[in-house]
Amino acid sequence: MVNTTTAPGARVGPMSLAARFIGVITAPRSTFEAIAAHPRWLGMLVLVTAIITAGAVLPMTSEAGQEAARCWQSGSACSTAGRPPLSPWHFTASMPSSLLFSRL
């Protein structure tokens, strides 16, 4: 990886939306210096809003996603394939007693 640091006080040109989006992860210091020198926030706001919206909407396109949303919205514990949801007993019943009482 090439280290692309700028000298203090050097003028940094404006970056494109894609360069800022990727640069925040790959070269944060120089990217934030460029953003501080030329702040443009509307494009990034729209991009992040679109990514979050896609992450919320895409699961709803399948039957399983729609069923999960209905279960979550109703506040009930829906079953999976006709089985009741697991209770804490299911997790502790199969654990060795050495793990259950190790913190006592």
PDB file of N, CA and C in Angstrom:
ATOM      1  N   MET A   1       0.845  -1.172   0.000  1.00  0.00           N
ATOM      2  CA  MET A   1       0.000   0.000   0.000  1.00  0.00           C
ATOM      3  C   MET A   1       0.888   1.232   0.000  1.00  0.00           C
ATOM      4  N   VAL A   2       0.526   2.178  -0.787  1.00  0.00           N
ATOM      5  CA  VAL A   2       1.298   3.412  -0.909  1.00  0.00           C
ATOM      6  C   VAL A   2       0.815   4.391   0.148  1.00  0.00           C
ATOM      7  N   ASN A   3       1.745   4.978   0.866  1.00  0.00           N
ATOM      8  CA  ASN A   3       1.414   5.963   1.889  1.00  0.00           C
ATOM      9  C   ASN A   3       1.288   7.318   1.206  1.00  0.00           C
ATOM     10  N   THR A   4       0.095   7.869   1.178  1.00  0.00           N
ATOM     11  CA  THR A   4      -0.147   9.137   0.488  1.00  0.00           C
ATOM     12  C   THR A   4      -0.500  10.221   1.496  1.00  0.00           C
ATOM     13  N   THR A   5       0.453  10.586   2.303  1.00  0.00           N
ATOM     14  CA  THR A   5       0.207  11.651   3.274  1.00  0.00           C
ATOM     15  C   THR A   5       0.550  12.985   2.636  1.00  0.00           C
ATOM     16  N   THR A   6      -0.087  14.018   3.097  1.00  0.00           N
ATOM     17  CA  THR A   6       0.189  15.364   2.596  1.00  0.00           C
ATOM     18  C   THR A   6       0.927  16.155   3.654  1.00  0.00           C
ATOM     19  N   ALA A   7       1.704  17.081   3.181  1.00  0.00           N
ATOM     20  CA  ALA A   7       2.453  17.930   4.107  1.00  0.00           C
ATOM     21  C   ALA A   7       1.485  18.871   4.813  1.00  0.00           C
ATOM     22  N   PRO A   8       1.779  19.222   6.067  1.00  0.00           N
ATOM     23  CA  PRO A   8       0.902  20.158   6.771  1.00  0.00           C
ATOM     24  C   PRO A   8       0.826  21.485   6.026  1.00  0.00           C
ATOM     25  N   GLY A   9      -0.375  21.997   5.875  1.00  0.00           N
ATOM     26  CA  GLY A   9      -0.567  23.264   5.195  1.00  0.00           C
ATOM     27  C   GLY A   9      -0.686  23.140   3.687  1.00  0.00           C
ATOM     28  N   ALA A  10      -0.485  21.952   3.131  1.00  0.00           N
ATOM     29  CA  ALA A  10      -0.597  21.774   1.686  1.00  0.00           C
ATOM     30  C   ALA A  10      -2.058  21.820   1.272  1.00  0.00           C
ATOM     31  N   ARG A  11      -2.321  22.354   0.104  1.00  0.00           N
ATOM     32  CA  ARG A  11      -3.684  22.445  -0.408  1.00  0.00           C
ATOM     33  C   ARG A  11      -4.086  21.095  -0.985  1.00  0.00           C
ATOM     34  N   VAL A  12      -5.224  20.593  -0.550  1.00  0.00           N
ATOM     35  CA  VAL A  12      -5.743  19.327  -1.033  1.00  0.00           C
ATOM     36  C   VAL A  12      -6.966  19.631  -1.887  1.00  0.00           C
ATOM     37  N   GLY A  13      -7.009  19.048  -3.089  1.00  0.00           N
ATOM     38  CA  GLY A  13      -8.122  19.316  -3.992  1.00  0.00           C
ATOM     39  C   GLY A  13      -9.378  18.571  -3.563  1.00  0.00           C
ATOM     40  N   PRO A  14     -10.527  18.979  -4.100  1.00  0.00           N
ATOM     41  CA  PRO A  14     -11.776  18.305  -3.756  1.00  0.00           C
ATOM     42  C   PRO A  14     -11.778  16.877  -4.308  1.00  0.00           C
ATOM     43  N   MET A  15     -12.415  15.992  -3.577  1.00  0.00           N
ATOM     44  CA  MET A  15     -12.482  14.583  -3.968  1.00  0.00           C
ATOM     45  C   MET A  15     -13.889  14.261  -4.451  1.00  0.00           C
ATOM     46  N   SER A  16     -13.964  13.283  -5.346  1.00  0.00           N
ATOM     47  CA  SER A  16     -15.276  12.852  -5.827  1.00  0.00           C
ATOM     48  C   SER A  16     -15.981  12.061  -4.723  1.00  0.00           C
ATOM     49  N   LEU A  17     -17.266  11.820  -4.928  1.00  0.00           N
ATOM     50  CA  LEU A  17     -18.047  11.071  -3.942  1.00  0.00           C
ATOM     51  C   LEU A  17     -17.497   9.663  -3.758  1.00  0.00           C
ATOM     52  N   ALA A  18     -17.173   8.991  -4.847  1.00  0.00           N
ATOM     53  CA  ALA A  18     -16.631   7.630  -4.758  1.00  0.00           C
ATOM     54  C   ALA A  18     -15.275   7.634  -4.057  1.00  0.00           C
ATOM     55  N   ALA A  19     -14.438   8.618  -4.357  1.00  0.00           N
ATOM     56  CA  ALA A  19     -13.121   8.697  -3.722  1.00  0.00           C
ATOM     57  C   ALA A  19     -13.253   8.941  -2.219  1.00  0.00           C
ATOM     58  N   ARG A  20     -14.218   9.777  -1.819  1.00  0.00           N
ATOM     59  CA  ARG A  20     -14.429  10.000  -0.388  1.00  0.00           C
ATOM     60  C   ARG A  20     -14.964   8.763   0.294  1.00  0.00           C
ATOM     61  N   PHE A  21     -15.912   8.070  -0.362  1.00  0.00           N
ATOM     62  CA  PHE A  21     -16.521   6.883   0.222  1.00  0.00           C
ATOM     63  C   PHE A  21     -15.478   5.793   0.458  1.00  0.00           C
ATOM     64  N   ILE A  22     -14.630   5.550  -0.498  1.00  0.00           N
ATOM     65  CA  ILE A  22     -13.595   4.522  -0.371  1.00  0.00           C
ATOM     66  C   ILE A  22     -12.427   5.027   0.465  1.00  0.00           C
ATOM     67  N   GLY A  23     -12.102   6.307   0.332  1.00  0.00           N
ATOM     68  CA  GLY A  23     -10.962   6.869   1.041  1.00  0.00           C
ATOM     69  C   GLY A  23     -11.118   6.898   2.547  1.00  0.00           C
ATOM     70  N   VAL A  24     -12.343   6.985   3.048  1.00  0.00           N
ATOM     71  CA  VAL A  24     -12.566   6.984   4.496  1.00  0.00           C
ATOM     72  C   VAL A  24     -12.069   5.672   5.100  1.00  0.00           C
ATOM     73  N   ILE A  25     -12.154   4.590   4.337  1.00  0.00           N
ATOM     74  CA  ILE A  25     -11.687   3.287   4.821  1.00  0.00           C
ATOM     75  C   ILE A  25     -10.209   3.078   4.510  1.00  0.00           C
ATOM     76  N   THR A  26      -9.780   3.399   3.294  1.00  0.00           N
ATOM     77  CA  THR A  26      -8.424   3.070   2.870  1.00  0.00           C
ATOM     78  C   THR A  26      -7.366   4.083   3.298  1.00  0.00           C
ATOM     79  N   ALA A  27      -7.685   5.355   3.279  1.00  0.00           N
ATOM     80  CA  ALA A  27      -6.713   6.391   3.660  1.00  0.00           C
ATOM     81  C   ALA A  27      -7.446   7.483   4.442  1.00  0.00           C
ATOM     82  N   PRO A  28      -7.803   7.203   5.697  1.00  0.00           N
ATOM     83  CA  PRO A  28      -8.654   8.124   6.437  1.00  0.00           C
ATOM     84  C   PRO A  28      -8.048   9.509   6.668  1.00  0.00           C
ATOM     85  N   ARG A  29      -6.785   9.598   6.970  1.00  0.00           N
ATOM     86  CA  ARG A  29      -6.194  10.907   7.290  1.00  0.00           C
ATOM     87  C   ARG A  29      -6.260  11.849   6.101  1.00  0.00           C
ATOM     88  N   SER A  30      -5.772  11.425   4.959  1.00  0.00           N
ATOM     89  CA  SER A  30      -5.786  12.313   3.796  1.00  0.00           C
ATOM     90  C   SER A  30      -7.209  12.591   3.321  1.00  0.00           C
ATOM     91  N   THR A  31      -8.080  11.602   3.457  1.00  0.00           N
ATOM     92  CA  THR A  31      -9.474  11.808   3.060  1.00  0.00           C
ATOM     93  C   THR A  31     -10.143  12.833   3.957  1.00  0.00           C
ATOM     94  N   PHE A  32      -9.963  12.726   5.255  1.00  0.00           N
ATOM     95  CA  PHE A  32     -10.581  13.690   6.170  1.00  0.00           C
ATOM     96  C   PHE A  32      -9.979  15.087   6.008  1.00  0.00           C
ATOM     97  N   GLU A  33      -8.695  15.177   5.665  1.00  0.00           N
ATOM     98  CA  GLU A  33      -8.106  16.479   5.385  1.00  0.00           C
ATOM     99  C   GLU A  33      -8.756  17.099   4.149  1.00  0.00           C
ATOM    100  N   ALA A  34      -8.981  16.293   3.130  1.00  0.00           N
ATOM    101  CA  ALA A  34      -9.633  16.792   1.911  1.00  0.00           C
ATOM    102  C   ALA A  34     -11.086  17.176   2.193  1.00  0.00           C
ATOM    103  N   ILE A  35     -11.771  16.387   3.015  1.00  0.00           N
ATOM    104  CA  ILE A  35     -13.160  16.701   3.362  1.00  0.00           C
ATOM    105  C   ILE A  35     -13.226  17.982   4.186  1.00  0.00           C
ATOM    106  N   ALA A  36     -12.290  18.161   5.105  1.00  0.00           N
ATOM    107  CA  ALA A  36     -12.281  19.376   5.921  1.00  0.00           C
ATOM    108  C   ALA A  36     -11.987  20.607   5.070  1.00  0.00           C
ATOM    109  N   ALA A  37     -11.156  20.449   4.048  1.00  0.00           N
ATOM    110  CA  ALA A  37     -10.825  21.577   3.182  1.00  0.00           C
ATOM    111  C   ALA A  37     -11.976  21.917   2.236  1.00  0.00           C
ATOM    112  N   HIS A  38     -12.711  20.901   1.782  1.00  0.00           N
ATOM    113  CA  HIS A  38     -13.816  21.107   0.834  1.00  0.00           C
ATOM    114  C   HIS A  38     -15.024  20.296   1.292  1.00  0.00           C
ATOM    115  N   PRO A  39     -15.752  20.773   2.307  1.00  0.00           N
ATOM    116  CA  PRO A  39     -16.879  19.981   2.822  1.00  0.00           C
ATOM    117  C   PRO A  39     -18.072  19.994   1.864  1.00  0.00           C
ATOM    118  N   ARG A  40     -18.450  18.797   1.435  1.00  0.00           N
ATOM    119  CA  ARG A  40     -19.669  18.599   0.646  1.00  0.00           C
ATOM    120  C   ARG A  40     -20.343  17.371   1.235  1.00  0.00           C
ATOM    121  N   TRP A  41     -21.482  17.537   1.866  1.00  0.00           N
ATOM    122  CA  TRP A  41     -22.086  16.462   2.635  1.00  0.00           C
ATOM    123  C   TRP A  41     -23.331  15.873   1.997  1.00  0.00           C
ATOM    124  N   LEU A  42     -23.969  16.554   1.085  1.00  0.00           N
ATOM    125  CA  LEU A  42     -25.249  16.089   0.552  1.00  0.00           C
ATOM    126  C   LEU A  42     -25.114  14.763  -0.202  1.00  0.00           C
ATOM    127  N   GLY A  43     -24.103  14.636  -1.028  1.00  0.00           N
ATOM    128  CA  GLY A  43     -23.912  13.386  -1.787  1.00  0.00           C
ATOM    129  C   GLY A  43     -23.696  12.199  -0.875  1.00  0.00           C
ATOM    130  N   MET A  44     -22.871  12.374   0.162  1.00  0.00           N
ATOM    131  CA  MET A  44     -22.607  11.274   1.082  1.00  0.00           C
ATOM    132  C   MET A  44     -23.861  10.927   1.883  1.00  0.00           C
ATOM    133  N   LEU A  45     -24.648  11.928   2.261  1.00  0.00           N
ATOM    134  CA  LEU A  45     -25.897  11.677   2.971  1.00  0.00           C
ATOM    135  C   LEU A  45     -26.848  10.844   2.115  1.00  0.00           C
ATOM    136  N   VAL A  46     -26.972  11.200   0.845  1.00  0.00           N
ATOM    137  CA  VAL A  46     -27.844  10.447  -0.064  1.00  0.00           C
ATOM    138  C   VAL A  46     -27.331   9.027  -0.250  1.00  0.00           C
ATOM    139  N   LEU A  47     -26.006   8.860  -0.412  1.00  0.00           N
ATOM    140  CA  LEU A  47     -25.430   7.529  -0.606  1.00  0.00           C
ATOM    141  C   LEU A  47     -25.637   6.644   0.616  1.00  0.00           C
ATOM    142  N   VAL A  48     -25.363   7.151   1.794  1.00  0.00           N
ATOM    143  CA  VAL A  48     -25.524   6.358   3.020  1.00  0.00           C
ATOM    144  C   VAL A  48     -27.002   6.044   3.268  1.00  0.00           C
ATOM    145  N   THR A  49     -27.881   6.987   2.981  1.00  0.00           N
ATOM    146  CA  THR A  49     -29.314   6.742   3.128  1.00  0.00           C
ATOM    147  C   THR A  49     -29.766   5.642   2.172  1.00  0.00           C
ATOM    148  N   ALA A  50     -29.261   5.651   0.951  1.00  0.00           N
ATOM    149  CA  ALA A  50     -29.611   4.612  -0.025  1.00  0.00           C
ATOM    150  C   ALA A  50     -29.113   3.246   0.411  1.00  0.00           C
ATOM    151  N   ILE A  51     -27.908   3.174   0.974  1.00  0.00           N
ATOM    152  CA  ILE A  51     -27.362   1.894   1.436  1.00  0.00           C
ATOM    153  C   ILE A  51     -28.177   1.361   2.605  1.00  0.00           C
ATOM    154  N   ILE A  52     -28.526   2.210   3.549  1.00  0.00           N
ATOM    155  CA  ILE A  52     -29.315   1.779   4.707  1.00  0.00           C
ATOM    156  C   ILE A  52     -30.712   1.347   4.272  1.00  0.00           C
ATOM    157  N   THR A  53     -31.310   2.088   3.351  1.00  0.00           N
ATOM    158  CA  THR A  53     -32.637   1.736   2.857  1.00  0.00           C
ATOM    159  C   THR A  53     -32.607   0.398   2.135  1.00  0.00           C
ATOM    160  N   ALA A  54     -31.597   0.170   1.306  1.00  0.00           N
ATOM    161  CA  ALA A  54     -31.478  -1.108   0.603  1.00  0.00           C
ATOM    162  C   ALA A  54     -31.304  -2.249   1.598  1.00  0.00           C
ATOM    163  N   GLY A  55     -30.532  -2.035   2.645  1.00  0.00           N
ATOM    164  CA  GLY A  55     -30.347  -3.073   3.651  1.00  0.00           C
ATOM    165  C   GLY A  55     -31.618  -3.391   4.418  1.00  0.00           C
ATOM    166  N   ALA A  56     -32.505  -2.421   4.538  1.00  0.00           N
ATOM    167  CA  ALA A  56     -33.765  -2.654   5.236  1.00  0.00           C
ATOM    168  C   ALA A  56     -34.834  -3.227   4.317  1.00  0.00           C
ATOM    169  N   VAL A  57     -34.810  -2.864   3.032  1.00  0.00           N
ATOM    170  CA  VAL A  57     -35.869  -3.268   2.110  1.00  0.00           C
ATOM    171  C   VAL A  57     -35.583  -4.608   1.446  1.00  0.00           C
ATOM    172  N   LEU A  58     -34.351  -4.893   1.084  1.00  0.00           N
ATOM    173  CA  LEU A  58     -34.040  -6.121   0.355  1.00  0.00           C
ATOM    174  C   LEU A  58     -34.470  -7.403   1.077  1.00  0.00           C
ATOM    175  N   PRO A  59     -34.305  -7.522   2.390  1.00  0.00           N
ATOM    176  CA  PRO A  59     -34.792  -8.742   3.035  1.00  0.00           C
ATOM    177  C   PRO A  59     -36.304  -8.914   2.922  1.00  0.00           C
ATOM    178  N   MET A  60     -37.033  -7.837   2.725  1.00  0.00           N
ATOM    179  CA  MET A  60     -38.486  -7.924   2.622  1.00  0.00           C
ATOM    180  C   MET A  60     -38.957  -8.464   1.280  1.00  0.00           C
ATOM    181  N   THR A  61     -38.042  -8.697   0.345  1.00  0.00           N
ATOM    182  CA  THR A  61     -38.435  -9.197  -0.961  1.00  0.00           C
ATOM    183  C   THR A  61     -38.645 -10.704  -0.978  1.00  0.00           C
ATOM    184  N   SER A  62     -38.239 -11.393   0.075  1.00  0.00           N
ATOM    185  CA  SER A  62     -38.446 -12.842   0.134  1.00  0.00           C
ATOM    186  C   SER A  62     -39.561 -13.167   1.124  1.00  0.00           C
ATOM    187  N   GLU A  63     -40.113 -14.358   0.985  1.00  0.00           N
ATOM    188  CA  GLU A  63     -41.167 -14.804   1.901  1.00  0.00           C
ATOM    189  C   GLU A  63     -40.638 -14.917   3.332  1.00  0.00           C
ATOM    190  N   ALA A  64     -39.428 -15.438   3.470  1.00  0.00           N
ATOM    191  CA  ALA A  64     -38.854 -15.585   4.811  1.00  0.00           C
ATOM    192  C   ALA A  64     -38.640 -14.224   5.468  1.00  0.00           C
ATOM    193  N   GLY A  65     -38.207 -13.252   4.699  1.00  0.00           N
ATOM    194  CA  GLY A  65     -38.014 -11.912   5.243  1.00  0.00           C
ATOM    195  C   GLY A  65     -39.321 -11.266   5.646  1.00  0.00           C
ATOM    196  N   GLN A  66     -40.358 -11.480   4.843  1.00  0.00           N
ATOM    197  CA  GLN A  66     -41.661 -10.927   5.186  1.00  0.00           C
ATOM    198  C   GLN A  66     -42.229 -11.583   6.438  1.00  0.00           C
ATOM    199  N   GLU A  67     -42.047 -12.892   6.559  1.00  0.00           N
ATOM    200  CA  GLU A  67     -42.531 -13.596   7.758  1.00  0.00           C
ATOM    201  C   GLU A  67     -41.770 -13.136   8.996  1.00  0.00           C
ATOM    202  N   ALA A  68     -40.466 -12.946   8.872  1.00  0.00           N
ATOM    203  CA  ALA A  68     -39.668 -12.458  10.003  1.00  0.00           C
ATOM    204  C   ALA A  68     -40.110 -11.058  10.410  1.00  0.00           C
ATOM    205  N   ALA A  69     -40.438 -10.213   9.437  1.00  0.00           N
ATOM    206  CA  ALA A  69     -40.896  -8.859   9.754  1.00  0.00           C
ATOM    207  C   ALA A  69     -42.245  -8.896  10.461  1.00  0.00           C
ATOM    208  N   ARG A  70     -43.149  -9.783  10.008  1.00  0.00           N
ATOM    209  CA  ARG A  70     -44.445  -9.893  10.681  1.00  0.00           C
ATOM    210  C   ARG A  70     -44.277 -10.371  12.113  1.00  0.00           C
ATOM    211  N   CYS A  71     -43.409 -11.339  12.337  1.00  0.00           N
ATOM    212  CA  CYS A  71     -43.168 -11.842  13.697  1.00  0.00           C
ATOM    213  C   CYS A  71     -42.577 -10.752  14.580  1.00  0.00           C
ATOM    214  N   TRP A  72     -41.625  -9.996  14.030  1.00  0.00           N
ATOM    215  CA  TRP A  72     -40.979  -8.947  14.811  1.00  0.00           C
ATOM    216  C   TRP A  72     -41.967  -7.841  15.142  1.00  0.00           C
ATOM    217  N   GLN A  73     -42.805  -7.455  14.167  1.00  0.00           N
ATOM    218  CA  GLN A  73     -43.752  -6.370  14.387  1.00  0.00           C
ATOM    219  C   GLN A  73     -44.850  -6.757  15.366  1.00  0.00           C
ATOM    220  N   SER A  74     -45.247  -8.030  15.346  1.00  0.00           N
ATOM    221  CA  SER A  74     -46.311  -8.449  16.251  1.00  0.00           C
ATOM    222  C   SER A  74     -45.803  -8.638  17.672  1.00  0.00           C
ATOM    223  N   GLY A  75     -44.506  -8.786  17.826  1.00  0.00           N
ATOM    224  CA  GLY A  75     -43.930  -8.959  19.153  1.00  0.00           C
ATOM    225  C   GLY A  75     -44.062 -10.377  19.675  1.00  0.00           C
ATOM    226  N   SER A  76     -44.547 -11.280  18.849  1.00  0.00           N
ATOM    227  CA  SER A  76     -44.694 -12.666  19.291  1.00  0.00           C
ATOM    228  C   SER A  76     -43.479 -13.468  18.857  1.00  0.00           C
ATOM    229  N   ALA A  77     -43.278 -14.570  19.526  1.00  0.00           N
ATOM    230  CA  ALA A  77     -42.183 -15.466  19.173  1.00  0.00           C
ATOM    231  C   ALA A  77     -42.719 -16.466  18.162  1.00  0.00           C
ATOM    232  N   CYS A  78     -42.423 -16.244  16.911  1.00  0.00           N
ATOM    233  CA  CYS A  78     -42.905 -17.140  15.857  1.00  0.00           C
ATOM    234  C   CYS A  78     -42.056 -18.397  15.822  1.00  0.00           C
ATOM    235  N   SER A  79     -42.666 -19.461  15.402  1.00  0.00           N
ATOM    236  CA  SER A  79     -41.939 -20.733  15.340  1.00  0.00           C
ATOM    237  C   SER A  79     -41.288 -20.889  13.976  1.00  0.00           C
ATOM    238  N   THR A  80     -40.316 -21.758  13.929  1.00  0.00           N
ATOM    239  CA  THR A  80     -39.613 -22.050  12.696  1.00  0.00           C
ATOM    240  C   THR A  80     -39.989 -23.462  12.272  1.00  0.00           C
ATOM    241  N   ALA A  81     -40.572 -23.601  11.120  1.00  0.00           N
ATOM    242  CA  ALA A  81     -40.978 -24.899  10.561  1.00  0.00           C
ATOM    243  C   ALA A  81     -41.901 -25.650  11.514  1.00  0.00           C
ATOM    244  N   GLY A  82     -42.802 -24.957  12.176  1.00  0.00           N
ATOM    245  CA  GLY A  82     -43.771 -25.605  13.041  1.00  0.00           C
ATOM    246  C   GLY A  82     -43.256 -25.958  14.419  1.00  0.00           C
ATOM    247  N   ARG A  83     -41.989 -25.634  14.711  1.00  0.00           N
ATOM    248  CA  ARG A  83     -41.426 -25.936  16.037  1.00  0.00           C
ATOM    249  C   ARG A  83     -41.556 -24.711  16.929  1.00  0.00           C
ATOM    250  N   PRO A  84     -41.782 -24.917  18.210  1.00  0.00           N
ATOM    251  CA  PRO A  84     -41.839 -23.765  19.115  1.00  0.00           C
ATOM    252  C   PRO A  84     -40.449 -23.162  19.287  1.00  0.00           C
ATOM    253  N   PRO A  85     -40.379 -21.893  19.666  1.00  0.00           N
ATOM    254  CA  PRO A  85     -39.069 -21.283  19.871  1.00  0.00           C
ATOM    255  C   PRO A  85     -38.343 -21.911  21.054  1.00  0.00           C
ATOM    256  N   LEU A  86     -37.023 -21.818  21.018  1.00  0.00           N
ATOM    257  CA  LEU A  86     -36.210 -22.402  22.081  1.00  0.00           C
ATOM    258  C   LEU A  86     -36.298 -21.562  23.345  1.00  0.00           C
ATOM    259  N   SER A  87     -36.321 -22.260  24.475  1.00  0.00           N
ATOM    260  CA  SER A  87     -36.307 -21.581  25.762  1.00  0.00           C
ATOM    261  C   SER A  87     -34.897 -21.681  26.348  1.00  0.00           C
ATOM    262  N   PRO A  88     -34.595 -20.930  27.395  1.00  0.00           N
ATOM    263  CA  PRO A  88     -33.272 -21.037  28.012  1.00  0.00           C
ATOM    264  C   PRO A  88     -32.957 -22.461  28.488  1.00  0.00           C
ATOM    265  N   TRP A  89     -33.986 -23.246  28.801  1.00  0.00           N
ATOM    266  CA  TRP A  89     -33.754 -24.618  29.238  1.00  0.00           C
ATOM    267  C   TRP A  89     -33.069 -25.432  28.154  1.00  0.00           C
ATOM    268  N   HIS A  90     -33.394 -25.187  26.891  1.00  0.00           N
ATOM    269  CA  HIS A  90     -32.791 -25.936  25.795  1.00  0.00           C
ATOM    270  C   HIS A  90     -31.284 -25.722  25.739  1.00  0.00           C
ATOM    271  N   PHE A  91     -30.837 -24.557  26.104  1.00  0.00           N
ATOM    272  CA  PHE A  91     -29.411 -24.272  26.044  1.00  0.00           C
ATOM    273  C   PHE A  91     -28.673 -24.842  27.249  1.00  0.00           C
ATOM    274  N   THR A  92     -29.283 -24.801  28.412  1.00  0.00           N
ATOM    275  CA  THR A  92     -28.587 -25.266  29.613  1.00  0.00           C
ATOM    276  C   THR A  92     -28.715 -26.769  29.808  1.00  0.00           C
ATOM    277  N   ALA A  93     -29.731 -27.412  29.258  1.00  0.00           N
ATOM    278  CA  ALA A  93     -29.923 -28.839  29.460  1.00  0.00           C
ATOM    279  C   ALA A  93     -28.806 -29.655  28.817  1.00  0.00           C
ATOM    280  N   SER A  94     -28.264 -29.189  27.710  1.00  0.00           N
ATOM    281  CA  SER A  94     -27.222 -29.947  27.020  1.00  0.00           C
ATOM    282  C   SER A  94     -25.812 -29.540  27.440  1.00  0.00           C
ATOM    283  N   MET A  95     -25.681 -28.547  28.327  1.00  0.00           N
ATOM    284  CA  MET A  95     -24.372 -28.095  28.780  1.00  0.00           C
ATOM    285  C   MET A  95     -23.853 -28.968  29.913  1.00  0.00           C
ATOM    286  N   PRO A  96     -22.550 -29.259  29.904  1.00  0.00           N
ATOM    287  CA  PRO A  96     -21.982 -29.979  31.044  1.00  0.00           C
ATOM    288  C   PRO A  96     -22.076 -29.114  32.308  1.00  0.00           C
ATOM    289  N   SER A  97     -22.255 -29.757  33.433  1.00  0.00           N
ATOM    290  CA  SER A  97     -22.415 -29.010  34.682  1.00  0.00           C
ATOM    291  C   SER A  97     -21.157 -28.218  35.031  1.00  0.00           C
ATOM    292  N   SER A  98     -19.997 -28.654  34.548  1.00  0.00           N
ATOM    293  CA  SER A  98     -18.774 -27.900  34.829  1.00  0.00           C
ATOM    294  C   SER A  98     -18.832 -26.508  34.200  1.00  0.00           C
ATOM    295  N   LEU A  99     -19.508 -26.359  33.077  1.00  0.00           N
ATOM    296  CA  LEU A  99     -19.657 -25.042  32.457  1.00  0.00           C
ATOM    297  C   LEU A  99     -20.747 -24.232  33.139  1.00  0.00           C
ATOM    298  N   LEU A 100     -21.779 -24.900  33.584  1.00  0.00           N
ATOM    299  CA  LEU A 100     -22.886 -24.177  34.191  1.00  0.00           C
ATOM    300  C   LEU A 100     -22.502 -23.529  35.515  1.00  0.00           C
ATOM    301  N   PHE A 101     -21.672 -24.233  36.290  1.00  0.00           N
ATOM    302  CA  PHE A 101     -21.334 -23.757  37.622  1.00  0.00           C
ATOM    303  C   PHE A 101     -19.888 -23.278  37.726  1.00  0.00           C
ATOM    304  N   SER A 102     -19.250 -22.991  36.608  1.00  0.00           N
ATOM    305  CA  SER A 102     -17.839 -22.614  36.654  1.00  0.00           C
ATOM    306  C   SER A 102     -17.619 -21.220  37.234  1.00  0.00           C
ATOM    307  N   ARG A 103     -18.618 -20.373  37.218  1.00  0.00           N
ATOM    308  CA  ARG A 103     -18.437 -18.991  37.720  1.00  0.00           C
ATOM    309  C   ARG A 103     -18.948 -18.809  39.124  1.00  0.00           C
ATOM    310  N   LEU A 104     -19.363 -19.837  39.786  1.00  0.00           N
ATOM    311  CA  LEU A 104     -19.877 -19.698  41.134  1.00  0.00           C
ATOM    312  C   LEU A 104     -18.777 -19.572  42.145  1.00  0.00           C
TER     313      LEU A 104
END
